[in-house]
Protein backbone atom coordinates (compact mmCIF):
# COMPACT_ATOMS: atom_id res chain seq x y z
CA MET A 1 25.73 -23.96 25.12
CA LYS A 2 23.67 -26.94 24.16
CA ASN A 3 22.45 -27.30 20.57
CA ASP A 4 18.80 -26.96 21.53
CA PRO A 5 16.37 -26.18 18.66
CA ARG A 6 14.08 -24.45 21.15
CA SER A 7 16.73 -21.85 21.89
CA ASN A 8 16.00 -18.24 20.89
CA VAL A 9 19.32 -18.12 19.02
CA TYR A 10 17.80 -20.27 16.27
CA HIS A 11 14.48 -18.43 16.04
CA TRP A 12 15.51 -14.83 15.32
CA PRO A 13 17.05 -15.49 11.84
CA ILE A 14 13.88 -17.27 10.75
CA ALA A 15 11.71 -14.44 12.04
CA LEU A 16 13.95 -11.89 10.34
CA CYS A 17 13.76 -13.71 7.00
CA LEU A 18 9.99 -13.98 7.23
CA ALA A 19 9.62 -10.30 8.06
CA LEU A 20 11.90 -9.20 5.22
CA SER A 21 10.21 -11.44 2.66
CA ALA A 22 6.77 -10.21 3.76
CA ALA A 23 7.91 -6.61 3.40
CA VAL A 24 9.45 -7.22 -0.03
CA PHE A 25 6.40 -8.99 -1.42
CA ALA A 26 3.79 -6.71 0.18
CA ALA A 27 5.32 -3.40 -0.96
CA PRO A 28 4.49 -3.76 -4.71
CA VAL A 29 1.01 -5.01 -3.91
CA MET A 30 0.24 -1.97 -1.78
CA ALA A 31 1.75 0.35 -4.41
CA ASP A 32 -0.61 -0.90 -7.15
CA VAL A 33 -3.80 -0.26 -5.20
CA ALA A 34 -5.73 2.70 -6.61
CA LEU A 35 -7.68 5.10 -4.48
CA PRO A 36 -11.48 4.82 -4.56
CA PRO A 37 -13.35 7.42 -6.59
CA PRO A 38 -14.37 10.56 -4.72
CA ALA A 39 -17.76 10.49 -3.06
CA GLN A 40 -20.48 12.28 -5.03
CA HIS A 41 -24.07 13.08 -4.39
CA GLN A 42 -26.56 10.60 -5.82
CA ASN A 43 -28.07 13.14 -8.25
CA ALA A 44 -24.81 14.94 -9.06
CA GLY A 45 -25.02 14.22 -12.80
CA PHE A 46 -28.67 15.23 -13.31
CA PRO A 47 -29.82 18.88 -13.28
CA SER A 48 -32.31 20.04 -10.68
CA ASP A 49 -35.96 20.83 -11.40
CA GLN A 50 -35.26 24.56 -11.31
CA ALA A 51 -32.37 24.20 -13.76
CA LEU A 52 -34.58 22.21 -16.15
CA GLN A 53 -37.36 24.82 -15.97
CA ARG A 54 -34.86 27.60 -16.70
CA ARG A 55 -33.86 25.69 -19.83
CA GLY A 56 -37.47 25.54 -21.00
CA TYR A 57 -38.59 22.15 -19.69
CA ASP A 58 -42.27 21.96 -18.80
CA PRO A 59 -43.03 19.16 -16.30
CA LYS A 60 -46.71 19.05 -17.38
CA THR A 61 -45.96 18.22 -21.00
CA GLY A 62 -42.73 16.33 -20.47
């Protein structure tokens, strides 16, 4: 066999090393990513008009 740098025999170790190094360096990065907060309604933290009126709020006087 001729010592040809274009031969596939010389390419698979390089590809294997690149794949292993990418997996080793990408695993901790993916592990540190936090999940986004859960989706909530826009007015989830503010009581409704009916709830405010039950608590004694009068919309005319504020």
